[in-house]
């Protein structure tokens, strides 16, 4: 995204990375592995890694990002506008408070109210007061979709302060290989052959962290029911995480899982366009997901998607019977019904419509949103 903005010629961009991870491998607590991204994320735009003095650095808590020099570094760049990604970090909130009324502040976030309990509570009221205070420092919110619009309105912003700036991934990278090697589809077909998946098999795919919040166990249960009624279906589960051993131990005993289901380890970014093509349908069964960029990625690969209604992207991107299905989070029967419909659907047409859909969620669309505020 930052590279696209800089290359457009319409923006002079400098990105201040506040966590402080510049290079090398890091421990990903959710995946439970050591990883290092294998694609270039830093060329093509000006950036700096601001020193983070937190004793426990990370984005999982307020004091995980403490940058004493951040405000002075931003002042030295002398920006016309500032985009802040996330406020639940000490340095980010300090920056928002410092520049309020001095430099226009755009806030980028994808929080929703999808997980909020219905009805009144003192805790909800106090949280709303806190959010109204926080967003009182913001001039505009860059909202990815309708679910986030409602959140920002609830937090005290007016409708004309909420600017639609869709979440986007590098659609081109997921759509077309650029290295002149085998096409993503050819690579995926070769991989499917190695996994003993026949050409006429309908393959469901989950790729992500194996954690309770993502609820992959719900997908596996629904798939086992589907398998009892349909012969030519297969499930591929890609990723690592807290549930990995439990899921493998439990379900390898229930079925000949090498024949009907495959668990594959974490795959790095360069392989993800191939991973999504291992499946005919991508499934995101999360109990909570502010957006779910995997939906964008799968659609860019021409794959229809089944996602829970707790995924922020579901309402914005998925149209039932056209490019996928939305099911009620945690409802195994509803998920099963959606999967059964997919078995009997024209997946080629649905995949084409999915690829058409994701074109509206692009870097160019995000840049246009910024230009509308010029």
Protein backbone atom coordinates (compact mmCIF):
# COMPACT_ATOMS: atom_id res chain seq x y z
CA UNK A 1 0.00 0.00 0.00
CA UNK A 2 2.70 2.49 1.00
CA UNK A 3 4.71 1.66 -2.12
CA UNK A 4 1.61 2.27 -4.26
CA UNK A 5 0.94 5.64 -2.63
CA UNK A 6 4.53 6.76 -3.11
CA UNK A 7 4.63 5.57 -6.74
CA UNK A 8 1.41 7.40 -7.62
CA UNK A 9 3.18 10.76 -7.41
CA UNK A 10 0.27 12.25 -5.51
CA UNK A 11 1.71 11.62 -2.06
CA UNK A 12 5.04 12.21 -0.38
CA UNK A 13 4.98 9.32 2.05
CA UNK A 14 7.01 8.53 5.12
CA UNK A 15 6.08 5.59 7.31
CA UNK A 16 7.13 5.44 10.96
CA UNK A 17 7.19 1.83 12.18
CA UNK A 18 6.69 1.91 15.93
CA UNK A 19 6.99 -1.72 17.00
CA UNK A 20 10.64 -1.62 16.02
CA UNK A 21 11.05 -4.95 14.22
CA UNK A 22 13.28 -4.00 11.33
CA UNK A 23 14.81 -7.22 10.07
CA UNK A 24 15.27 -10.87 10.83
CA UNK A 25 13.12 -13.57 12.30
CA UNK A 26 10.52 -12.99 14.99
CA UNK A 27 8.52 -15.28 17.22
CA UNK A 28 4.90 -15.28 16.12
CA UNK A 29 3.00 -16.12 19.30
CA UNK A 30 -0.27 -16.93 17.48
CA UNK A 31 1.31 -19.28 14.96
CA UNK A 32 3.66 -20.59 17.64
CA UNK A 33 6.63 -20.50 15.29
CA UNK A 34 9.62 -18.39 14.35
CA UNK A 35 8.97 -16.68 11.01
CA UNK A 36 10.39 -14.12 8.64
CA UNK A 37 8.36 -12.75 5.73
CA UNK A 38 9.85 -13.73 2.38
CA UNK A 39 8.59 -10.85 0.23
CA UNK A 40 9.89 -7.29 0.00
CA UNK A 41 7.85 -5.01 2.25
CA UNK A 42 10.17 -2.02 2.59
CA UNK A 43 11.37 -0.81 -0.81
CA UNK A 44 9.78 1.98 -2.82
CA UNK A 45 8.85 4.37 -0.01
CA UNK A 46 10.53 6.36 2.74
CA UNK A 47 10.34 4.79 6.19
CA UNK A 48 12.08 4.52 9.52
CA UNK A 49 11.96 2.16 12.46
CA UNK A 50 11.43 4.25 15.58
CA UNK A 51 13.16 2.93 18.68
CA UNK A 52 10.72 1.07 20.90
CA UNK A 53 11.81 1.17 24.55
CA UNK A 54 9.05 -1.11 25.87
CA UNK A 55 10.26 -3.85 28.20
CA UNK A 56 7.75 -6.16 26.52
CA UNK A 57 7.49 -4.97 22.90
CA UNK A 58 4.47 -6.01 20.87
CA UNK A 59 1.06 -4.99 19.59
CA UNK A 60 -0.87 -7.07 22.12
CA UNK A 61 -0.91 -4.50 24.95
CA UNK A 62 -0.92 -0.74 25.54
CA UNK A 63 2.65 -0.52 26.86
CA UNK A 64 4.06 -2.73 24.12
CA UNK A 65 4.81 0.29 21.92
CA UNK A 66 6.68 3.12 23.65
CA UNK A 67 8.64 5.44 21.35
CA UNK A 68 10.06 8.50 23.18
CA UNK A 69 11.36 9.99 19.93
CA UNK A 70 8.26 9.45 17.78
CA UNK A 71 6.67 12.89 18.09
CA UNK A 72 9.95 14.69 17.35
CA UNK A 73 10.66 12.42 14.37
CA UNK A 74 7.22 13.10 12.92
CA UNK A 75 7.63 16.83 13.54
CA UNK A 76 10.95 16.76 11.69
CA UNK A 77 9.20 15.28 8.63
CA UNK A 78 6.65 18.13 8.91
CA UNK A 79 3.68 16.30 7.38
CA UNK A 80 0.56 17.96 5.98
CA UNK A 81 -1.51 15.03 7.26
CA UNK A 82 -0.95 12.07 9.54
CA UNK A 83 -2.53 8.61 9.31
CA UNK A 84 -2.48 6.67 12.57
CA UNK A 85 -2.97 2.89 12.53
CA UNK A 86 -4.47 1.87 15.86
CA UNK A 87 -4.77 3.88 19.08
CA UNK A 88 -4.38 1.21 21.80
CA UNK A 89 -0.65 1.84 22.14
CA UNK A 90 0.96 4.41 24.41
CA UNK A 91 2.95 6.17 21.67
CA UNK A 92 0.08 6.30 19.18
CA UNK A 93 -2.29 7.88 21.68
CA UNK A 94 0.39 10.36 22.74
CA UNK A 95 0.94 11.32 19.11
CA UNK A 96 -2.79 11.82 18.54
CA UNK A 97 -3.03 14.06 21.61
CA UNK A 98 0.03 16.07 20.60
CA UNK A 99 -1.03 16.78 17.01
CA UNK A 100 -4.73 17.37 17.68
CA UNK A 101 -5.63 20.77 16.21
CA UNK A 102 -2.14 21.16 14.72
CA UNK A 103 -2.05 18.65 11.86
CA UNK A 104 -5.09 16.87 10.35
CA UNK A 105 -5.30 13.37 11.79
CA UNK A 106 -6.71 10.44 9.82
CA UNK A 107 -7.35 7.27 11.77
CA UNK A 108 -7.17 3.87 10.10
CA UNK A 109 -8.90 1.07 11.94
CA UNK A 110 -11.28 -1.81 11.28
CA UNK A 111 -12.93 -2.33 14.67
CA UNK A 112 -16.60 -3.31 14.62
CA UNK A 113 -19.51 -3.84 17.00
CA UNK A 114 -20.06 -7.41 15.78
CA UNK A 115 -18.88 -8.90 19.09
CA UNK A 116 -20.79 -6.50 21.34
CA UNK A 117 -23.47 -8.01 23.55
CA UNK A 118 -26.99 -6.71 22.99
CA UNK A 119 -28.43 -4.42 25.65
CA UNK A 120 -27.21 -1.95 28.23
CA UNK A 121 -24.28 -2.46 30.57
CA UNK A 122 -22.19 -0.08 32.65
CA UNK A 123 -19.04 -1.52 31.06
CA UNK A 124 -20.33 -0.76 27.55
CA UNK A 125 -21.30 2.77 28.55
CA UNK A 126 -17.88 3.46 30.07
CA UNK A 127 -16.14 2.04 27.00
CA UNK A 128 -18.24 4.25 24.74
CA UNK A 129 -17.24 7.32 26.76
CA UNK A 130 -13.58 6.30 26.41
CA UNK A 131 -13.95 5.83 22.65
CA UNK A 132 -15.66 9.19 22.28
CA UNK A 133 -12.72 10.81 24.05
CA UNK A 134 -10.18 8.93 21.89
CA UNK A 135 -11.87 9.71 18.59
CA UNK A 136 -12.35 13.30 19.64
CA UNK A 137 -8.70 13.66 18.57
CA UNK A 138 -9.47 12.46 15.03
CA UNK A 139 -10.50 14.55 12.03
CA UNK A 140 -11.47 11.65 9.76
CA UNK A 141 -11.73 7.89 10.07
CA UNK A 142 -10.71 5.73 7.11
CA UNK A 143 -13.28 2.95 7.38
CA UNK A 144 -13.01 -0.31 5.39
CA UNK A 145 -16.72 -1.18 5.42
CA UNK A 146 -20.21 -0.86 6.86
CA UNK A 147 -19.42 -2.81 10.03
CA UNK A 148 -16.67 -0.34 10.92
CA UNK A 149 -18.87 2.61 9.95
CA UNK A 150 -21.26 1.66 12.76
CA UNK A 151 -18.36 1.40 15.20
CA UNK A 152 -17.08 4.88 14.36
CA UNK A 153 -20.58 6.38 14.62
CA UNK A 154 -20.98 4.74 18.03
CA UNK A 155 -17.60 6.23 19.01
CA UNK A 156 -18.89 9.74 18.40
CA UNK A 157 -17.74 10.54 14.87
CA UNK A 158 -20.25 12.11 12.49
CA UNK A 159 -21.15 10.49 9.17
CA UNK A 160 -19.17 13.10 7.19
CA UNK A 161 -16.05 12.23 9.20
CA UNK A 162 -16.20 8.59 8.07
CA UNK A 163 -14.50 8.01 4.73
CA UNK A 164 -14.84 4.69 2.89
CA UNK A 165 -11.30 3.43 2.30
CA UNK A 166 -11.56 -0.28 1.51
CA UNK A 167 -9.18 -2.84 2.91
CA UNK A 168 -6.95 -4.09 0.15
CA UNK A 169 -4.18 -6.55 -0.57
CA UNK A 170 -1.85 -6.72 -3.57
CA UNK A 171 -4.51 -8.07 -5.94
CA UNK A 172 -2.05 -8.34 -8.80
CA UNK A 173 0.43 -10.47 -6.84
CA UNK A 174 -2.27 -12.96 -5.91
CA UNK A 175 -3.74 -12.99 -9.41
CA UNK A 176 -0.65 -13.40 -11.57
CA UNK A 177 2.86 -14.80 -11.00
CA UNK A 178 5.55 -12.30 -11.97
CA UNK A 179 8.68 -14.47 -11.92
CA UNK A 180 8.14 -16.32 -15.19
CA UNK A 181 7.95 -19.71 -13.48
CA UNK A 182 5.02 -22.10 -13.38
CA UNK A 183 1.65 -20.43 -13.00
CA UNK A 184 0.11 -20.50 -9.54
CA UNK A 185 -2.55 -22.88 -10.85
CA UNK A 186 0.02 -25.28 -12.30
CA UNK A 187 1.92 -25.29 -9.03
CA UNK A 188 -1.26 -25.94 -7.05
CA UNK A 189 -2.31 -28.80 -9.34
CA UNK A 190 1.09 -30.41 -8.90
CA UNK A 191 0.79 -30.00 -5.13
CA UNK A 192 -2.73 -31.46 -5.16
CA UNK A 193 -1.38 -34.47 -7.03
CA UNK A 194 1.29 -34.95 -4.35
CA UNK A 195 -1.49 -34.90 -1.75
CA UNK A 196 -3.39 -37.55 -3.77
CA UNK A 197 -6.29 -35.19 -4.47
CA UNK A 198 -7.97 -36.08 -7.76
CA UNK A 199 -8.94 -33.45 -10.32
CA UNK A 200 -12.69 -33.92 -9.83
CA UNK A 201 -12.57 -33.58 -6.04
CA UNK A 202 -14.18 -30.53 -4.40
CA UNK A 203 -11.58 -29.13 -2.01
CA UNK A 204 -12.37 -26.87 0.94
CA UNK A 205 -9.47 -24.85 2.31
CA UNK A 206 -8.70 -23.16 5.60
CA UNK A 207 -5.44 -21.20 5.83
CA UNK A 208 -4.66 -19.27 8.99
CA UNK A 209 -3.81 -19.55 12.65
CA UNK A 210 -5.06 -22.68 14.39
CA UNK A 211 -6.56 -20.95 17.39
CA UNK A 212 -9.95 -20.99 19.11
CA UNK A 213 -10.87 -17.52 17.87
CA UNK A 214 -10.60 -18.72 14.26
CA UNK A 215 -12.70 -21.82 15.06
CA UNK A 216 -11.16 -24.29 12.57
CA UNK A 217 -12.61 -27.14 14.65
CA UNK A 218 -16.11 -26.07 13.57
CA UNK A 219 -15.09 -26.39 9.93
CA UNK A 220 -13.61 -29.85 10.51
CA UNK A 221 -16.80 -31.07 12.22
CA UNK A 222 -18.97 -29.74 9.40
CA UNK A 223 -16.64 -31.30 6.85
CA UNK A 224 -16.85 -34.74 8.50
CA UNK A 225 -20.63 -34.57 8.16
CA UNK A 226 -20.28 -33.52 4.54
CA UNK A 227 -17.87 -36.37 3.86
CA UNK A 228 -20.44 -38.88 5.11
CA UNK A 229 -22.82 -37.71 2.36
CA UNK A 230 -20.46 -36.79 -0.49
CA UNK A 231 -17.60 -38.97 -1.67
CA UNK A 232 -15.48 -36.53 -3.66
CA UNK A 233 -14.79 -33.82 -1.08
CA UNK A 234 -11.50 -33.00 0.62
CA UNK A 235 -10.33 -30.57 3.31
CA UNK A 236 -6.94 -28.88 3.45
CA UNK A 237 -6.00 -27.08 6.68
CA UNK A 238 -2.93 -24.84 6.48
CA UNK A 239 -1.27 -23.23 9.49
CA UNK A 240 0.06 -23.72 12.99
CA UNK A 241 -1.11 -22.63 16.41
CA UNK A 242 -2.40 -23.60 19.82
CA UNK A 243 -4.96 -26.10 18.46
CA UNK A 244 -2.61 -27.88 16.05
CA UNK A 245 -1.71 -30.95 18.09
CA UNK A 246 -5.20 -31.36 19.50
CA UNK A 247 -6.84 -31.25 16.08
CA UNK A 248 -4.38 -33.66 14.50
CA UNK A 249 -4.65 -36.15 17.34
CA UNK A 250 -8.45 -35.99 17.53
CA UNK A 251 -9.33 -36.20 13.87
CA UNK A 252 -6.62 -38.55 12.67
CA UNK A 253 -8.24 -41.15 14.93
CA UNK A 254 -11.76 -40.53 13.60
CA UNK A 255 -11.05 -40.92 9.89
CA UNK A 256 -8.37 -42.02 7.53
CA UNK A 257 -7.36 -38.39 7.51
CA UNK A 258 -4.55 -38.77 5.00
CA UNK A 259 -7.26 -39.75 2.52
CA UNK A 260 -9.82 -37.02 3.23
CA UNK A 261 -8.09 -34.22 5.11
CA UNK A 262 -4.57 -32.81 5.07
CA UNK A 263 -2.88 -30.61 7.65
CA UNK A 264 -0.10 -28.49 6.18
CA UNK A 265 2.27 -26.23 8.17
CA UNK A 266 2.56 -22.44 7.99
CA UNK A 267 3.31 -21.21 4.47
CA UNK A 268 5.12 -17.96 3.83
CA UNK A 269 3.80 -15.07 1.74
CA UNK A 270 5.38 -16.08 -1.57
CA UNK A 271 3.50 -19.39 -1.43
CA UNK A 272 0.08 -18.07 -0.46
CA UNK A 273 -1.21 -17.51 -4.04
CA UNK A 274 -0.54 -21.22 -4.62
CA UNK A 275 -2.03 -22.24 -1.26
CA UNK A 276 -5.37 -20.59 -2.00
CA UNK A 277 -5.51 -22.46 -5.32
CA UNK A 278 -5.12 -25.79 -3.51
CA UNK A 279 -8.75 -25.32 -2.58
CA UNK A 280 -11.83 -24.73 -4.69
CA UNK A 281 -13.53 -22.89 -1.82
CA UNK A 282 -11.93 -20.90 0.99
CA UNK A 283 -13.61 -21.06 4.42
CA UNK A 284 -13.09 -18.55 7.26
CA UNK A 285 -15.14 -19.79 10.25
CA UNK A 286 -13.92 -17.19 12.78
CA UNK A 287 -15.85 -16.36 15.93
CA UNK A 288 -14.39 -12.86 15.74
CA UNK A 289 -12.59 -11.15 12.86
CA UNK A 290 -12.54 -7.37 12.47
CA UNK A 291 -12.10 -7.80 8.71
CA UNK A 292 -10.43 -10.97 7.43
CA UNK A 293 -7.95 -10.07 4.68
CA UNK A 294 -7.75 -13.76 3.77
CA UNK A 295 -11.13 -13.20 2.10
CA UNK A 296 -9.54 -10.58 -0.16
CA UNK A 297 -6.64 -12.91 -0.91
CA UNK A 298 -8.82 -15.90 -1.74
CA UNK A 299 -11.05 -13.83 -4.00
CA UNK A 300 -8.02 -12.36 -5.79
CA UNK A 301 -7.09 -15.98 -6.52
CA UNK A 302 -10.51 -16.54 -8.07
CA UNK A 303 -11.92 -18.57 -5.20
CA UNK A 304 -15.43 -18.22 -3.73
CA UNK A 305 -15.56 -17.84 0.04
CA UNK A 306 -17.64 -19.10 2.94
CA UNK A 307 -17.24 -16.85 5.99
CA UNK A 308 -18.99 -16.32 9.30
CA UNK A 309 -21.06 -13.24 9.96
CA UNK A 310 -18.50 -12.23 12.60
CA UNK A 311 -16.02 -11.37 9.85
CA UNK A 312 -16.14 -7.67 9.03
CA UNK A 313 -15.46 -8.36 5.36
CA UNK A 314 -18.41 -10.72 4.99
CA UNK A 315 -21.11 -8.07 4.67
CA UNK A 316 -18.92 -5.90 2.45
CA UNK A 317 -17.60 -8.53 0.06
CA UNK A 318 -19.72 -11.70 0.04
CA UNK A 319 -23.03 -12.02 -1.80
CA UNK A 320 -24.82 -15.29 -1.14
CA UNK A 321 -25.10 -17.59 -4.16
CA UNK A 322 -22.93 -15.23 -6.22
CA UNK A 323 -19.35 -15.29 -4.90
CA UNK A 324 -19.80 -17.27 -1.69
CA UNK A 325 -21.95 -17.65 1.40
CA UNK A 326 -22.17 -16.08 4.86
CA UNK A 327 -23.15 -18.33 7.79
CA UNK A 328 -24.03 -17.62 11.40
CA UNK A 329 -20.85 -17.81 13.48
CA UNK A 330 -20.62 -20.95 15.58
CA UNK A 331 -23.59 -22.59 13.84
CA UNK A 332 -22.38 -25.93 12.52
CA UNK A 333 -25.64 -26.67 10.70
CA UNK A 334 -25.56 -23.35 8.88
CA UNK A 335 -21.92 -23.87 7.87
CA UNK A 336 -22.72 -27.42 6.70
CA UNK A 337 -25.59 -26.13 4.56
CA UNK A 338 -23.32 -23.55 2.93
CA UNK A 339 -20.69 -26.19 2.23
CA UNK A 340 -23.30 -28.49 0.73
CA UNK A 341 -24.50 -25.70 -1.57
CA UNK A 342 -20.92 -25.21 -2.70
CA UNK A 343 -20.54 -28.88 -3.61
CA UNK A 344 -23.42 -28.45 -6.06
CA UNK A 345 -22.54 -24.93 -7.26
CA UNK A 346 -20.89 -23.66 -10.43
CA UNK A 347 -17.58 -22.89 -8.73
CA UNK A 348 -15.98 -21.51 -11.87
CA UNK A 349 -18.62 -18.79 -12.22
CA UNK A 350 -18.61 -18.04 -8.49
CA UNK A 351 -14.82 -17.77 -8.53
CA UNK A 352 -14.94 -15.36 -11.46
CA UNK A 353 -17.44 -13.18 -9.61
CA UNK A 354 -15.25 -13.29 -6.51
CA UNK A 355 -12.32 -12.02 -8.57
CA UNK A 356 -14.52 -9.24 -9.96
CA UNK A 357 -15.59 -8.28 -6.44
CA UNK A 358 -12.08 -7.87 -5.08
CA UNK A 359 -11.19 -5.36 -7.81
CA UNK A 360 -13.27 -2.80 -5.87
CA UNK A 361 -11.03 -3.43 -2.84
CA UNK A 362 -7.74 -2.16 -4.21
CA UNK A 363 -4.81 0.10 -3.38
CA UNK A 364 -6.11 2.51 -6.02
CA UNK A 365 -9.44 2.72 -4.16
CA UNK A 366 -7.65 3.52 -0.92
CA UNK A 367 -5.59 6.21 -2.66
CA UNK A 368 -8.77 7.71 -4.11
CA UNK A 369 -10.22 7.95 -0.62
CA UNK A 370 -7.18 9.91 0.52
CA UNK A 371 -7.35 12.17 -2.53
CA UNK A 372 -10.99 12.95 -1.79
CA UNK A 373 -9.81 14.63 1.42
CA UNK A 374 -7.12 16.74 -0.26
